[in-house]
């Protein structure tokens, strides 16, 4: 049976968000939260790049939060620009990218995914691969 392809999980309500946040917190995985908005052109630009990153890094949990749908979550993370990518390990913020900065996003995913990888497989994501 083929492995399920990793994808970006969209959280549309607080209960789903809390469930995904707890899953990421207890899994030991790197969690990357994409704070986005439907009206945000840079968010639409970076979205397919994030989807591609998710497919290439199965050991990372990618979450998408629309700031208009989940205002309280965006406020909790002090998000004031879109897109904002928050990197979490064990529920704690370890890094952040503000803006549709493809290279910075790819580099930080590779850096933090490699440092949190619990398996023997290596994570080989480079900016040129995306």
N, C-alpha and C. Protein backbone atom coordinates (compact mmCIF):
# COMPACT_ATOMS: atom_id res chain seq x y z
N UNK A 1 0.85 -1.18 0.00
CA UNK A 1 0.00 0.00 0.00
C UNK A 1 0.90 1.24 0.00
N UNK A 2 0.59 2.21 -0.82
CA UNK A 2 1.38 3.42 -0.93
C UNK A 2 1.16 4.31 0.28
N UNK A 3 2.24 5.02 0.68
CA UNK A 3 2.12 5.96 1.78
C UNK A 3 1.25 7.13 1.36
N UNK A 4 0.51 7.67 2.32
CA UNK A 4 -0.31 8.85 2.05
C UNK A 4 0.62 10.04 1.83
N UNK A 5 0.30 10.83 0.82
CA UNK A 5 1.09 12.01 0.53
C UNK A 5 0.78 13.08 1.58
N UNK A 6 1.84 13.66 2.13
CA UNK A 6 1.67 14.73 3.11
C UNK A 6 1.05 15.95 2.43
N UNK A 7 0.17 16.63 3.14
CA UNK A 7 -0.48 17.80 2.57
C UNK A 7 -0.66 18.87 3.63
N UNK A 8 -1.03 20.05 3.19
CA UNK A 8 -1.31 21.15 4.09
C UNK A 8 -2.72 20.97 4.63
N UNK A 9 -2.87 20.99 5.95
CA UNK A 9 -4.17 20.79 6.59
C UNK A 9 -4.77 22.16 6.90
N UNK A 10 -5.92 22.44 6.29
CA UNK A 10 -6.62 23.70 6.55
C UNK A 10 -7.49 23.56 7.79
N UNK A 11 -7.34 24.51 8.70
CA UNK A 11 -8.15 24.53 9.93
C UNK A 11 -9.20 25.62 9.78
N UNK A 12 -10.47 25.22 9.76
CA UNK A 12 -11.56 26.17 9.52
C UNK A 12 -12.36 26.50 10.77
N UNK A 13 -12.09 25.79 11.88
CA UNK A 13 -12.77 26.13 13.13
C UNK A 13 -11.82 25.87 14.29
N UNK A 14 -12.14 26.43 15.44
CA UNK A 14 -11.24 26.38 16.60
C UNK A 14 -11.02 24.94 17.07
N UNK A 15 -12.06 24.11 17.05
CA UNK A 15 -11.91 22.73 17.50
C UNK A 15 -10.92 21.97 16.63
N UNK A 16 -11.04 22.12 15.31
CA UNK A 16 -10.11 21.45 14.40
C UNK A 16 -8.69 21.98 14.61
N UNK A 17 -8.57 23.29 14.79
CA UNK A 17 -7.26 23.90 15.06
C UNK A 17 -6.64 23.29 16.31
N UNK A 18 -7.41 23.23 17.41
CA UNK A 18 -6.88 22.70 18.68
C UNK A 18 -6.44 21.24 18.52
N UNK A 19 -7.23 20.46 17.79
CA UNK A 19 -6.91 19.06 17.55
C UNK A 19 -5.58 18.94 16.79
N UNK A 20 -5.43 19.71 15.72
CA UNK A 20 -4.20 19.66 14.92
C UNK A 20 -3.00 20.19 15.71
N UNK A 21 -3.20 21.25 16.47
CA UNK A 21 -2.13 21.81 17.30
C UNK A 21 -1.64 20.78 18.31
N UNK A 22 -2.57 20.10 18.97
CA UNK A 22 -2.20 19.07 19.96
C UNK A 22 -1.49 17.90 19.29
N UNK A 23 -1.96 17.50 18.11
CA UNK A 23 -1.31 16.42 17.37
C UNK A 23 0.14 16.79 17.08
N UNK A 24 0.35 18.01 16.61
CA UNK A 24 1.71 18.46 16.32
C UNK A 24 2.56 18.56 17.56
N UNK A 25 1.97 19.04 18.64
CA UNK A 25 2.70 19.24 19.90
C UNK A 25 3.20 17.92 20.47
N UNK A 26 2.37 16.88 20.38
CA UNK A 26 2.73 15.59 20.98
C UNK A 26 3.47 14.66 20.03
N UNK A 27 3.50 15.01 18.74
CA UNK A 27 4.13 14.11 17.76
C UNK A 27 5.65 14.23 17.71
N UNK A 28 6.18 15.34 18.21
CA UNK A 28 7.60 15.58 18.08
C UNK A 28 7.98 16.12 16.71
N UNK A 29 6.99 16.28 15.84
CA UNK A 29 7.25 16.80 14.49
C UNK A 29 7.39 18.32 14.52
N UNK A 30 8.06 18.82 13.51
CA UNK A 30 8.04 20.24 13.24
C UNK A 30 6.64 20.58 12.74
N UNK A 31 6.08 21.69 13.22
CA UNK A 31 4.79 22.17 12.75
C UNK A 31 5.02 23.54 12.11
N UNK A 32 4.52 23.70 10.90
CA UNK A 32 4.60 24.98 10.19
C UNK A 32 3.17 25.47 9.98
N UNK A 33 2.86 26.63 10.56
CA UNK A 33 1.52 27.20 10.43
C UNK A 33 1.59 28.35 9.42
N UNK A 34 0.75 28.26 8.41
CA UNK A 34 0.62 29.31 7.41
C UNK A 34 -0.59 30.15 7.78
N UNK A 35 -0.33 31.37 8.28
CA UNK A 35 -1.42 32.31 8.54
C UNK A 35 -1.66 33.08 7.26
N UNK A 36 -2.87 32.95 6.74
CA UNK A 36 -3.19 33.43 5.40
C UNK A 36 -4.52 34.15 5.41
N UNK A 37 -4.89 34.71 4.27
CA UNK A 37 -6.20 35.33 4.08
C UNK A 37 -6.59 35.16 2.62
N UNK A 38 -7.87 34.95 2.37
CA UNK A 38 -8.34 34.71 1.01
C UNK A 38 -8.10 35.91 0.10
N UNK A 39 -8.08 37.11 0.64
CA UNK A 39 -7.92 38.33 -0.15
C UNK A 39 -6.45 38.71 -0.37
N UNK A 40 -5.53 37.94 0.18
CA UNK A 40 -4.09 38.27 0.18
C UNK A 40 -3.40 37.68 -1.06
N UNK A 41 -2.97 38.56 -1.98
CA UNK A 41 -2.30 38.09 -3.20
C UNK A 41 -0.98 37.36 -2.92
N UNK A 42 -0.11 37.85 -2.03
CA UNK A 42 1.11 37.10 -1.73
C UNK A 42 0.82 35.72 -1.12
N UNK A 43 -0.28 35.61 -0.39
CA UNK A 43 -0.68 34.31 0.17
C UNK A 43 -1.02 33.33 -0.94
N UNK A 44 -1.73 33.81 -1.94
CA UNK A 44 -2.08 32.96 -3.08
C UNK A 44 -0.84 32.56 -3.86
N UNK A 45 0.15 33.45 -3.95
CA UNK A 45 1.40 33.16 -4.64
C UNK A 45 2.17 32.04 -3.94
N UNK A 46 2.25 32.08 -2.62
CA UNK A 46 3.09 31.14 -1.87
C UNK A 46 2.39 29.81 -1.60
N UNK A 47 1.08 29.77 -1.71
CA UNK A 47 0.31 28.56 -1.38
C UNK A 47 0.77 27.31 -2.13
N UNK A 48 0.96 27.35 -3.47
CA UNK A 48 1.41 26.13 -4.15
C UNK A 48 2.83 25.72 -3.75
N UNK A 49 3.63 26.67 -3.36
CA UNK A 49 4.99 26.36 -2.90
C UNK A 49 4.91 25.60 -1.59
N UNK A 50 4.03 26.04 -0.70
CA UNK A 50 3.84 25.35 0.58
C UNK A 50 3.30 23.93 0.36
N UNK A 51 2.37 23.79 -0.58
CA UNK A 51 1.81 22.48 -0.91
C UNK A 51 2.92 21.55 -1.40
N UNK A 52 3.79 22.06 -2.25
CA UNK A 52 4.91 21.27 -2.76
C UNK A 52 5.88 20.90 -1.64
N UNK A 53 6.15 21.83 -0.75
CA UNK A 53 7.01 21.55 0.40
C UNK A 53 6.42 20.43 1.26
N UNK A 54 5.12 20.49 1.49
CA UNK A 54 4.46 19.47 2.30
C UNK A 54 4.64 18.09 1.68
N UNK A 55 4.50 17.99 0.37
CA UNK A 55 4.67 16.70 -0.31
C UNK A 55 6.09 16.16 -0.16
N UNK A 56 7.07 17.07 -0.10
CA UNK A 56 8.47 16.66 -0.05
C UNK A 56 9.01 16.46 1.36
N UNK A 57 8.25 16.88 2.37
CA UNK A 57 8.71 16.73 3.76
C UNK A 57 7.61 16.09 4.60
N UNK A 58 7.47 14.77 4.49
CA UNK A 58 6.39 14.08 5.20
C UNK A 58 6.54 14.09 6.72
N UNK A 59 7.72 14.42 7.21
CA UNK A 59 7.93 14.45 8.66
C UNK A 59 7.59 15.81 9.27
N UNK A 60 6.93 16.68 8.50
CA UNK A 60 6.52 18.01 8.97
C UNK A 60 5.00 18.12 8.87
N UNK A 61 4.38 18.70 9.90
CA UNK A 61 2.94 18.95 9.87
C UNK A 61 2.72 20.40 9.43
N UNK A 62 2.05 20.57 8.28
CA UNK A 62 1.75 21.89 7.74
C UNK A 62 0.29 22.22 8.00
N UNK A 63 0.05 23.35 8.65
CA UNK A 63 -1.31 23.79 8.95
C UNK A 63 -1.55 25.14 8.29
N UNK A 64 -2.77 25.34 7.83
CA UNK A 64 -3.16 26.62 7.21
C UNK A 64 -4.30 27.20 8.03
N UNK A 65 -4.12 28.46 8.44
CA UNK A 65 -5.12 29.15 9.25
C UNK A 65 -5.47 30.45 8.55
N UNK A 66 -6.75 30.60 8.19
CA UNK A 66 -7.23 31.85 7.61
C UNK A 66 -7.49 32.82 8.76
N UNK A 67 -6.82 33.96 8.74
CA UNK A 67 -6.90 34.91 9.85
C UNK A 67 -8.30 35.50 10.02
N UNK A 68 -9.09 35.49 8.95
CA UNK A 68 -10.46 35.99 9.05
C UNK A 68 -11.40 34.96 9.67
N UNK A 69 -11.11 33.68 9.45
CA UNK A 69 -11.91 32.60 10.04
C UNK A 69 -11.56 32.37 11.51
N UNK A 70 -10.27 32.42 11.81
CA UNK A 70 -9.79 32.10 13.16
C UNK A 70 -9.00 33.28 13.72
N UNK A 71 -9.70 34.39 13.93
CA UNK A 71 -9.06 35.61 14.42
C UNK A 71 -8.34 35.41 15.74
N UNK A 72 -8.94 34.64 16.65
CA UNK A 72 -8.33 34.46 17.96
C UNK A 72 -7.00 33.70 17.87
N UNK A 73 -6.92 32.75 16.95
CA UNK A 73 -5.66 32.00 16.78
C UNK A 73 -4.59 32.94 16.24
N UNK A 74 -4.95 33.76 15.26
CA UNK A 74 -4.00 34.74 14.71
C UNK A 74 -3.55 35.71 15.81
N UNK A 75 -4.47 36.13 16.64
CA UNK A 75 -4.13 37.04 17.74
C UNK A 75 -3.21 36.37 18.74
N UNK A 76 -3.48 35.10 19.05
CA UNK A 76 -2.64 34.35 20.00
C UNK A 76 -1.18 34.30 19.53
N UNK A 77 -0.99 34.22 18.21
CA UNK A 77 0.36 34.15 17.64
C UNK A 77 0.88 35.52 17.21
N UNK A 78 0.13 36.57 17.55
CA UNK A 78 0.53 37.95 17.25
C UNK A 78 0.85 38.14 15.77
N UNK A 79 -0.04 37.63 14.92
CA UNK A 79 0.11 37.76 13.48
C UNK A 79 -0.51 39.09 13.05
N UNK A 80 0.29 39.92 12.38
CA UNK A 80 -0.24 41.20 11.91
C UNK A 80 0.08 41.46 10.44
N UNK A 81 0.60 40.46 9.74
CA UNK A 81 0.85 40.57 8.30
C UNK A 81 0.66 39.18 7.69
N UNK A 82 0.20 39.16 6.45
CA UNK A 82 0.01 37.88 5.77
C UNK A 82 0.84 37.85 4.49
N UNK A 83 1.36 36.69 4.16
CA UNK A 83 1.35 35.49 4.99
C UNK A 83 2.41 35.57 6.09
N UNK A 84 2.14 34.88 7.18
CA UNK A 84 3.11 34.67 8.25
C UNK A 84 3.21 33.18 8.47
N UNK A 85 4.42 32.68 8.51
CA UNK A 85 4.67 31.26 8.76
C UNK A 85 5.33 31.13 10.12
N UNK A 86 4.67 30.38 11.00
CA UNK A 86 5.20 30.18 12.35
C UNK A 86 5.65 28.73 12.46
N UNK A 87 6.88 28.55 12.92
CA UNK A 87 7.47 27.22 13.09
C UNK A 87 7.42 26.85 14.56
N UNK A 88 6.84 25.68 14.84
CA UNK A 88 6.70 25.22 16.22
C UNK A 88 7.39 23.88 16.42
N UNK A 89 7.93 23.70 17.61
CA UNK A 89 8.45 22.40 18.04
C UNK A 89 7.96 22.20 19.46
N UNK A 90 7.27 21.10 19.70
CA UNK A 90 6.70 20.80 21.02
C UNK A 90 5.78 21.93 21.50
N UNK A 91 5.08 22.56 20.56
CA UNK A 91 4.12 23.61 20.91
C UNK A 91 4.74 24.98 21.13
N UNK A 92 6.06 25.09 20.99
CA UNK A 92 6.75 26.36 21.22
C UNK A 92 7.28 26.92 19.91
N UNK A 93 7.14 28.24 19.73
CA UNK A 93 7.63 28.88 18.51
C UNK A 93 9.16 28.85 18.49
N UNK A 94 9.70 28.38 17.35
CA UNK A 94 11.16 28.34 17.20
C UNK A 94 11.64 29.24 16.06
N UNK A 95 10.72 29.68 15.20
CA UNK A 95 11.10 30.54 14.09
C UNK A 95 9.85 31.13 13.46
N UNK A 96 10.06 32.10 12.54
CA UNK A 96 8.94 32.78 11.89
C UNK A 96 9.44 33.40 10.60
N UNK A 97 8.60 33.35 9.57
CA UNK A 97 8.85 34.06 8.31
C UNK A 97 7.62 34.92 8.05
N UNK A 98 7.83 36.22 7.85
CA UNK A 98 6.74 37.13 7.53
C UNK A 98 6.90 37.54 6.07
N UNK A 99 5.87 37.28 5.27
CA UNK A 99 5.90 37.61 3.86
C UNK A 99 6.04 36.36 3.01
N UNK A 100 5.82 36.52 1.71
CA UNK A 100 5.88 35.41 0.76
C UNK A 100 7.32 35.21 0.31
N UNK A 101 8.17 34.83 1.24
CA UNK A 101 9.61 34.67 1.00
C UNK A 101 9.93 33.20 0.79
N UNK A 102 9.86 32.79 -0.46
CA UNK A 102 10.04 31.39 -0.82
C UNK A 102 11.35 30.81 -0.30
N UNK A 103 12.46 31.48 -0.57
CA UNK A 103 13.77 30.94 -0.18
C UNK A 103 13.88 30.78 1.33
N UNK A 104 13.44 31.79 2.08
CA UNK A 104 13.50 31.72 3.54
C UNK A 104 12.62 30.59 4.07
N UNK A 105 11.45 30.43 3.49
CA UNK A 105 10.53 29.37 3.91
C UNK A 105 11.14 28.00 3.67
N UNK A 106 11.67 27.79 2.46
CA UNK A 106 12.26 26.50 2.11
C UNK A 106 13.47 26.21 3.00
N UNK A 107 14.33 27.20 3.20
CA UNK A 107 15.52 27.01 4.03
C UNK A 107 15.17 26.66 5.47
N UNK A 108 14.19 27.36 6.04
CA UNK A 108 13.84 27.09 7.43
C UNK A 108 13.13 25.75 7.60
N UNK A 109 12.31 25.37 6.64
CA UNK A 109 11.69 24.04 6.72
C UNK A 109 12.78 22.97 6.70
N UNK A 110 13.74 23.10 5.78
CA UNK A 110 14.83 22.12 5.69
C UNK A 110 15.65 22.10 6.98
N UNK A 111 15.99 23.27 7.48
CA UNK A 111 16.81 23.38 8.70
C UNK A 111 16.11 22.73 9.90
N UNK A 112 14.87 23.14 10.14
CA UNK A 112 14.16 22.66 11.33
C UNK A 112 13.65 21.23 11.18
N UNK A 113 13.29 20.82 9.97
CA UNK A 113 12.86 19.43 9.76
C UNK A 113 14.01 18.48 10.00
N UNK A 114 15.20 18.87 9.57
CA UNK A 114 16.38 18.02 9.76
C UNK A 114 16.71 17.91 11.24
N UNK A 115 16.54 18.99 11.99
CA UNK A 115 16.90 18.96 13.42
C UNK A 115 15.84 18.27 14.26
N UNK A 116 14.64 18.07 13.71
CA UNK A 116 13.58 17.41 14.48
C UNK A 116 13.28 16.02 13.96
N UNK A 117 13.98 15.60 12.92
CA UNK A 117 13.72 14.29 12.33
C UNK A 117 14.07 13.19 13.32
N UNK A 118 13.12 12.29 13.57
CA UNK A 118 13.36 11.20 14.50
C UNK A 118 13.70 9.90 13.78
N UNK A 119 13.62 9.92 12.47
CA UNK A 119 13.95 8.71 11.72
C UNK A 119 15.36 8.82 11.17
N UNK A 120 15.80 7.75 10.54
CA UNK A 120 17.15 7.74 9.99
C UNK A 120 17.19 8.33 8.59
N UNK A 121 16.02 8.60 8.01
CA UNK A 121 16.01 9.20 6.67
C UNK A 121 16.42 10.67 6.77
N UNK A 122 17.10 11.13 5.75
CA UNK A 122 17.52 12.52 5.74
C UNK A 122 16.50 13.34 4.98
N UNK A 123 16.43 14.59 5.33
CA UNK A 123 15.51 15.50 4.67
C UNK A 123 16.33 16.33 3.68
N UNK A 124 16.04 16.16 2.42
CA UNK A 124 16.80 16.87 1.39
C UNK A 124 15.87 17.81 0.63
N UNK A 125 15.65 18.97 1.21
CA UNK A 125 14.85 19.98 0.54
C UNK A 125 15.76 21.17 0.32
N UNK A 126 15.92 21.57 -0.91
CA UNK A 126 16.75 22.71 -1.22
C UNK A 126 15.90 23.71 -2.00
N UNK A 127 16.27 24.98 -1.94
CA UNK A 127 15.49 25.97 -2.67
C UNK A 127 15.34 25.64 -4.15
N UNK A 128 16.35 25.06 -4.74
CA UNK A 128 16.27 24.74 -6.16
C UNK A 128 15.36 23.55 -6.44
N UNK A 129 15.06 22.76 -5.40
CA UNK A 129 14.20 21.58 -5.59
C UNK A 129 12.72 21.94 -5.60
N UNK A 130 12.40 23.12 -5.17
CA UNK A 130 10.99 23.54 -5.06
C UNK A 130 10.62 24.43 -6.22
